Amino acid sequence: MSLRSLIARNTDLVSDPFFSIGRALQRQLDEGWSGFPREAMTEAAAMPVDLDVKEDDKEFTVTADLPGLTEKNIDVSFDDGLLTIRGEKKVEREEKEGTWHIVERSAGSFARKLSISAPVDADKTSAKFEKGVLTITLPKLAQEKSSAKKIEIKSS
């Protein structure tokens, strides 16, 4: 058997049912993405994707990377167990001369919401912004520690 006989010919691929299904799926994917609104892609790119949430016995600490923003462009709120981080990134360009070849920096507004799983003392929450990193501290409410108790089962 020669190597040439093992290589699929175009006529073999056309008659292969899996090949035609694969081509149909690829066409559907291509058509679906081509109609995706460019504005939505830009807005999604402006979201802070680098986010860390840490919990210990006393508090939650949320850290978000927000490069290119200042504390004036960021709004943080906590309401009924929901932490919301909002912001707006602006890119200012002077368009006097030249041709843009690559534009990857995004601009726009974003909102990120996180549900916090334990009761938080909203009056003692704090946030600081330093060198493009937002750190939010959410102290937990002091809860009474329940002591374990063995419950005796009585027979009737």
C-alpha atoms as a PDB file:
ATOM      1  CA  MET A   1       0.000   0.000   0.000  1.00  0.00           C
ATOM      2  CA  SER A   2       1.437   3.336  -1.002  1.00  0.00           C
ATOM      3  CA  LEU A   3       1.380   6.553   1.012  1.00  0.00           C
ATOM      4  CA  ARG A   4      -0.644   8.261  -1.719  1.00  0.00           C
ATOM      5  CA  SER A   5      -3.527   5.806  -1.192  1.00  0.00           C
ATOM      6  CA  LEU A   6      -3.736   6.755   2.493  1.00  0.00           C
ATOM      7  CA  ILE A   7      -4.177  10.494   1.810  1.00  0.00           C
ATOM      8  CA  ALA A   8      -7.829  11.468   1.549  1.00  0.00           C
ATOM      9  CA  ARG A   9      -8.897  12.897  -1.798  1.00  0.00           C
ATOM     10  CA  ASN A  10     -11.417  15.723  -2.084  1.00  0.00           C
ATOM     11  CA  THR A  11     -14.000  13.272  -3.403  1.00  0.00           C
ATOM     12  CA  ASP A  12     -13.512  11.077  -0.310  1.00  0.00           C
ATOM     13  CA  LEU A  13     -14.077  14.057   2.026  1.00  0.00           C
ATOM     14  CA  VAL A  14     -17.234  15.208   0.277  1.00  0.00           C
ATOM     15  CA  SER A  15     -18.823  11.771   0.656  1.00  0.00           C
ATOM     16  CA  ASP A  16     -17.750  11.495   4.324  1.00  0.00           C
ATOM     17  CA  PRO A  17     -20.790  12.354   6.524  1.00  0.00           C
ATOM     18  CA  PHE A  18     -18.606  13.594   9.391  1.00  0.00           C
ATOM     19  CA  PHE A  19     -16.785  15.996   7.095  1.00  0.00           C
ATOM     20  CA  SER A  20     -20.060  17.559   5.926  1.00  0.00           C
ATOM     21  CA  ILE A  21     -21.325  17.847   9.519  1.00  0.00           C
ATOM     22  CA  GLY A  22     -18.056  19.499  10.547  1.00  0.00           C
ATOM     23  CA  ARG A  23     -18.289  21.999   7.691  1.00  0.00           C
ATOM     24  CA  ALA A  24     -21.899  22.819   8.589  1.00  0.00           C
ATOM     25  CA  LEU A  25     -20.970  23.403  12.240  1.00  0.00           C
ATOM     26  CA  GLN A  26     -18.036  25.596  11.235  1.00  0.00           C
ATOM     27  CA  ARG A  27     -20.299  27.693   8.976  1.00  0.00           C
ATOM     28  CA  GLN A  28     -22.813  28.150  11.824  1.00  0.00           C
ATOM     29  CA  LEU A  29     -20.073  29.252  14.215  1.00  0.00           C
ATOM     30  CA  ASP A  30     -18.607  31.656  11.673  1.00  0.00           C
ATOM     31  CA  GLU A  31     -22.002  33.182  10.918  1.00  0.00           C
ATOM     32  CA  GLY A  32     -22.874  33.468  14.612  1.00  0.00           C
ATOM     33  CA  TRP A  33     -19.694  35.339  15.524  1.00  0.00           C
ATOM     34  CA  SER A  34     -19.787  37.620  12.504  1.00  0.00           C
ATOM     35  CA  GLY A  35     -23.089  39.088  13.688  1.00  0.00           C
ATOM     36  CA  PHE A  36     -21.848  39.693  17.244  1.00  0.00           C
ATOM     37  CA  PRO A  37     -22.113  43.421  18.080  1.00  0.00           C
ATOM     38  CA  ARG A  38     -18.703  45.088  18.276  1.00  0.00           C
ATOM     39  CA  GLU A  39     -19.892  47.387  21.104  1.00  0.00           C
ATOM     40  CA  ALA A  40     -20.615  44.408  23.351  1.00  0.00           C
ATOM     41  CA  MET A  41     -17.149  43.001  22.729  1.00  0.00           C
ATOM     42  CA  THR A  42     -15.565  46.350  23.608  1.00  0.00           C
ATOM     43  CA  GLU A  43     -17.636  46.696  26.778  1.00  0.00           C
ATOM     44  CA  ALA A  44     -16.767  43.168  27.899  1.00  0.00           C
ATOM     45  CA  ALA A  45     -13.072  43.878  27.350  1.00  0.00           C
ATOM     46  CA  ALA A  46     -13.295  46.863  29.709  1.00  0.00           C
ATOM     47  CA  MET A  47     -14.438  44.677  32.622  1.00  0.00           C
ATOM     48  CA  PRO A  48     -11.926  43.965  35.366  1.00  0.00           C
ATOM     49  CA  VAL A  49     -11.213  40.332  34.686  1.00  0.00           C
ATOM     50  CA  ASP A  50      -8.405  40.004  37.203  1.00  0.00           C
ATOM     51  CA  LEU A  51     -10.227  39.647  40.497  1.00  0.00           C
ATOM     52  CA  ASP A  52      -9.290  37.816  43.711  1.00  0.00           C
ATOM     53  CA  VAL A  53     -11.592  37.097  46.665  1.00  0.00           C
ATOM     54  CA  LYS A  54     -10.061  35.880  49.936  1.00  0.00           C
ATOM     55  CA  GLU A  55     -11.917  34.883  53.096  1.00  0.00           C
ATOM     56  CA  ASP A  56     -10.598  34.292  56.585  1.00  0.00           C
ATOM     57  CA  ASP A  57     -12.239  34.111  60.009  1.00  0.00           C
ATOM     58  CA  LYS A  58     -12.655  37.885  60.314  1.00  0.00           C
ATOM     59  CA  GLU A  59     -13.213  39.304  56.810  1.00  0.00           C
ATOM     60  CA  PHE A  60     -13.435  39.058  53.060  1.00  0.00           C
ATOM     61  CA  THR A  61     -10.791  40.799  50.968  1.00  0.00           C
ATOM     62  CA  VAL A  62     -11.555  41.558  47.326  1.00  0.00           C
ATOM     63  CA  THR A  63      -8.716  42.700  45.080  1.00  0.00           C
ATOM     64  CA  ALA A  64      -9.313  43.936  41.534  1.00  0.00           C
ATOM     65  CA  ASP A  65      -6.762  45.070  38.964  1.00  0.00           C
ATOM     66  CA  LEU A  66      -8.025  48.278  37.359  1.00  0.00           C
ATOM     67  CA  PRO A  67      -5.131  49.671  35.325  1.00  0.00           C
ATOM     68  CA  GLY A  68      -5.603  53.070  33.765  1.00  0.00           C
ATOM     69  CA  LEU A  69      -8.272  54.163  36.243  1.00  0.00           C
ATOM     70  CA  THR A  70      -8.220  56.575  39.154  1.00  0.00           C
ATOM     71  CA  GLU A  71     -10.306  56.440  42.308  1.00  0.00           C
ATOM     72  CA  LYS A  72     -12.519  59.161  40.766  1.00  0.00           C
ATOM     73  CA  ASN A  73     -13.530  56.717  37.995  1.00  0.00           C
ATOM     74  CA  ILE A  74     -14.522  53.919  40.414  1.00  0.00           C
ATOM     75  CA  ASP A  75     -17.675  53.441  42.498  1.00  0.00           C
ATOM     76  CA  VAL A  76     -17.939  50.673  45.100  1.00  0.00           C
ATOM     77  CA  SER A  77     -21.131  49.823  46.981  1.00  0.00           C
ATOM     78  CA  PHE A  78     -22.350  47.045  49.245  1.00  0.00           C
ATOM     79  CA  ASP A  79     -26.058  46.351  49.648  1.00  0.00           C
ATOM     80  CA  ASP A  80     -27.791  43.305  51.108  1.00  0.00           C
ATOM     81  CA  GLY A  81     -24.917  40.874  50.516  1.00  0.00           C
ATOM     82  CA  LEU A  82     -24.076  42.190  47.036  1.00  0.00           C
ATOM     83  CA  LEU A  83     -20.785  43.962  46.357  1.00  0.00           C
ATOM     84  CA  THR A  84     -20.843  46.137  43.224  1.00  0.00           C
ATOM     85  CA  ILE A  85     -17.755  47.600  41.573  1.00  0.00           C
ATOM     86  CA  ARG A  86     -18.492  50.122  38.825  1.00  0.00           C
ATOM     87  CA  GLY A  87     -16.130  52.186  36.777  1.00  0.00           C
ATOM     88  CA  GLU A  88     -15.453  53.963  33.568  1.00  0.00           C
ATOM     89  CA  LYS A  89     -12.241  53.900  31.604  1.00  0.00           C
ATOM     90  CA  LYS A  90     -11.611  56.752  29.211  1.00  0.00           C
ATOM     91  CA  VAL A  91      -8.970  56.758  26.513  1.00  0.00           C
ATOM     92  CA  GLU A  92      -8.082  60.167  25.153  1.00  0.00           C
ATOM     93  CA  ARG A  93      -6.352  60.369  21.798  1.00  0.00           C
ATOM     94  CA  GLU A  94      -5.417  63.335  19.695  1.00  0.00           C
ATOM     95  CA  GLU A  95      -6.181  62.447  16.078  1.00  0.00           C
ATOM     96  CA  LYS A  96      -4.014  64.971  14.249  1.00  0.00           C
ATOM     97  CA  GLU A  97      -1.851  62.816  12.005  1.00  0.00           C
ATOM     98  CA  GLY A  98      -0.939  59.235  11.382  1.00  0.00           C
ATOM     99  CA  THR A  99      -2.660  55.933  10.795  1.00  0.00           C
ATOM    100  CA  TRP A 100      -3.697  53.560  13.562  1.00  0.00           C
ATOM    101  CA  HIS A 101      -2.515  50.017  12.872  1.00  0.00           C
ATOM    102  CA  ILE A 102      -3.438  48.342  16.160  1.00  0.00           C
ATOM    103  CA  VAL A 103      -6.007  49.509  18.730  1.00  0.00           C
ATOM    104  CA  GLU A 104      -6.264  47.082  21.658  1.00  0.00           C
ATOM    105  CA  ARG A 105      -6.826  49.415  24.601  1.00  0.00           C
ATOM    106  CA  SER A 106     -10.494  49.448  25.482  1.00  0.00           C
ATOM    107  CA  ALA A 107     -12.629  52.209  26.900  1.00  0.00           C
ATOM    108  CA  GLY A 108     -16.104  52.250  28.367  1.00  0.00           C
ATOM    109  CA  SER A 109     -18.003  51.571  31.543  1.00  0.00           C
ATOM    110  CA  PHE A 110     -18.261  48.309  33.453  1.00  0.00           C
ATOM    111  CA  ALA A 111     -20.022  46.862  36.478  1.00  0.00           C
ATOM    112  CA  ARG A 112     -19.006  43.745  38.371  1.00  0.00           C
ATOM    113  CA  LYS A 113     -21.257  42.248  41.064  1.00  0.00           C
ATOM    114  CA  LEU A 114     -20.254  39.677  43.657  1.00  0.00           C
ATOM    115  CA  SER A 115     -22.502  37.897  46.098  1.00  0.00           C
ATOM    116  CA  ILE A 116     -20.907  37.582  49.542  1.00  0.00           C
ATOM    117  CA  SER A 117     -21.862  34.367  51.329  1.00  0.00           C
ATOM    118  CA  ALA A 118     -21.661  35.498  54.976  1.00  0.00           C
ATOM    119  CA  PRO A 119     -23.159  38.443  56.895  1.00  0.00           C
ATOM    120  CA  VAL A 120     -20.943  41.536  56.553  1.00  0.00           C
ATOM    121  CA  ASP A 121     -20.678  44.569  58.829  1.00  0.00           C
ATOM    122  CA  ALA A 122     -21.492  47.172  56.163  1.00  0.00           C
ATOM    123  CA  ASP A 123     -20.544  50.083  58.459  1.00  0.00           C
ATOM    124  CA  LYS A 124     -16.946  48.864  58.751  1.00  0.00           C
ATOM    125  CA  THR A 125     -16.266  48.127  55.076  1.00  0.00           C
ATOM    126  CA  SER A 126     -13.355  49.971  53.476  1.00  0.00           C
ATOM    127  CA  ALA A 127     -11.618  50.319  50.127  1.00  0.00           C
ATOM    128  CA  LYS A 128      -8.247  51.619  49.007  1.00  0.00           C
ATOM    129  CA  PHE A 129      -6.851  52.193  45.532  1.00  0.00           C
ATOM    130  CA  GLU A 130      -3.122  52.140  44.941  1.00  0.00           C
ATOM    131  CA  LYS A 131      -1.118  51.762  41.713  1.00  0.00           C
ATOM    132  CA  GLY A 132      -4.104  50.465  39.718  1.00  0.00           C
ATOM    133  CA  VAL A 133      -5.155  47.892  42.332  1.00  0.00           C
ATOM    134  CA  LEU A 134      -8.437  48.224  44.241  1.00  0.00           C
ATOM    135  CA  THR A 135      -8.565  46.424  47.599  1.00  0.00           C
ATOM    136  CA  ILE A 136     -11.915  46.146  49.386  1.00  0.00           C
ATOM    137  CA  THR A 137     -12.193  44.862  52.953  1.00  0.00           C
ATOM    138  CA  LEU A 138     -15.546  43.483  54.131  1.00  0.00           C
ATOM    139  CA  PRO A 139     -15.461  42.572  57.854  1.00  0.00           C
ATOM    140  CA  LYS A 140     -17.757  39.748  58.889  1.00  0.00           C
ATOM    141  CA  LEU A 141     -20.429  40.317  61.511  1.00  0.00           C
ATOM    142  CA  ALA A 142     -19.592  38.760  64.841  1.00  0.00           C
ATOM    143  CA  GLN A 143     -21.737  35.695  65.295  1.00  0.00           C
ATOM    144  CA  GLU A 144     -22.314  33.776  68.429  1.00  0.00           C
ATOM    145  CA  LYS A 145     -20.458  30.530  68.285  1.00  0.00           C
ATOM    146  CA  SER A 146     -22.840  27.702  68.857  1.00  0.00           C
ATOM    147  CA  SER A 147     -21.530  25.007  71.079  1.00  0.00           C
ATOM    148  CA  ALA A 148     -21.981  21.469  69.939  1.00  0.00           C
ATOM    149  CA  LYS A 149     -24.479  19.525  71.950  1.00  0.00           C
ATOM    150  CA  LYS A 150     -25.329  15.878  71.793  1.00  0.00           C
ATOM    151  CA  ILE A 151     -29.056  15.388  71.634  1.00  0.00           C
ATOM    152  CA  GLU A 152     -30.291  12.392  73.520  1.00  0.00           C
ATOM    153  CA  ILE A 153     -32.829  10.201  71.798  1.00  0.00           C
ATOM    154  CA  LYS A 154     -35.583   8.911  74.022  1.00  0.00           C
ATOM    155  CA  SER A 155     -37.598   5.834  73.302  1.00  0.00           C
ATOM    156  CA  SER A 156     -41.371   5.872  73.687  1.00  0.00           C
END
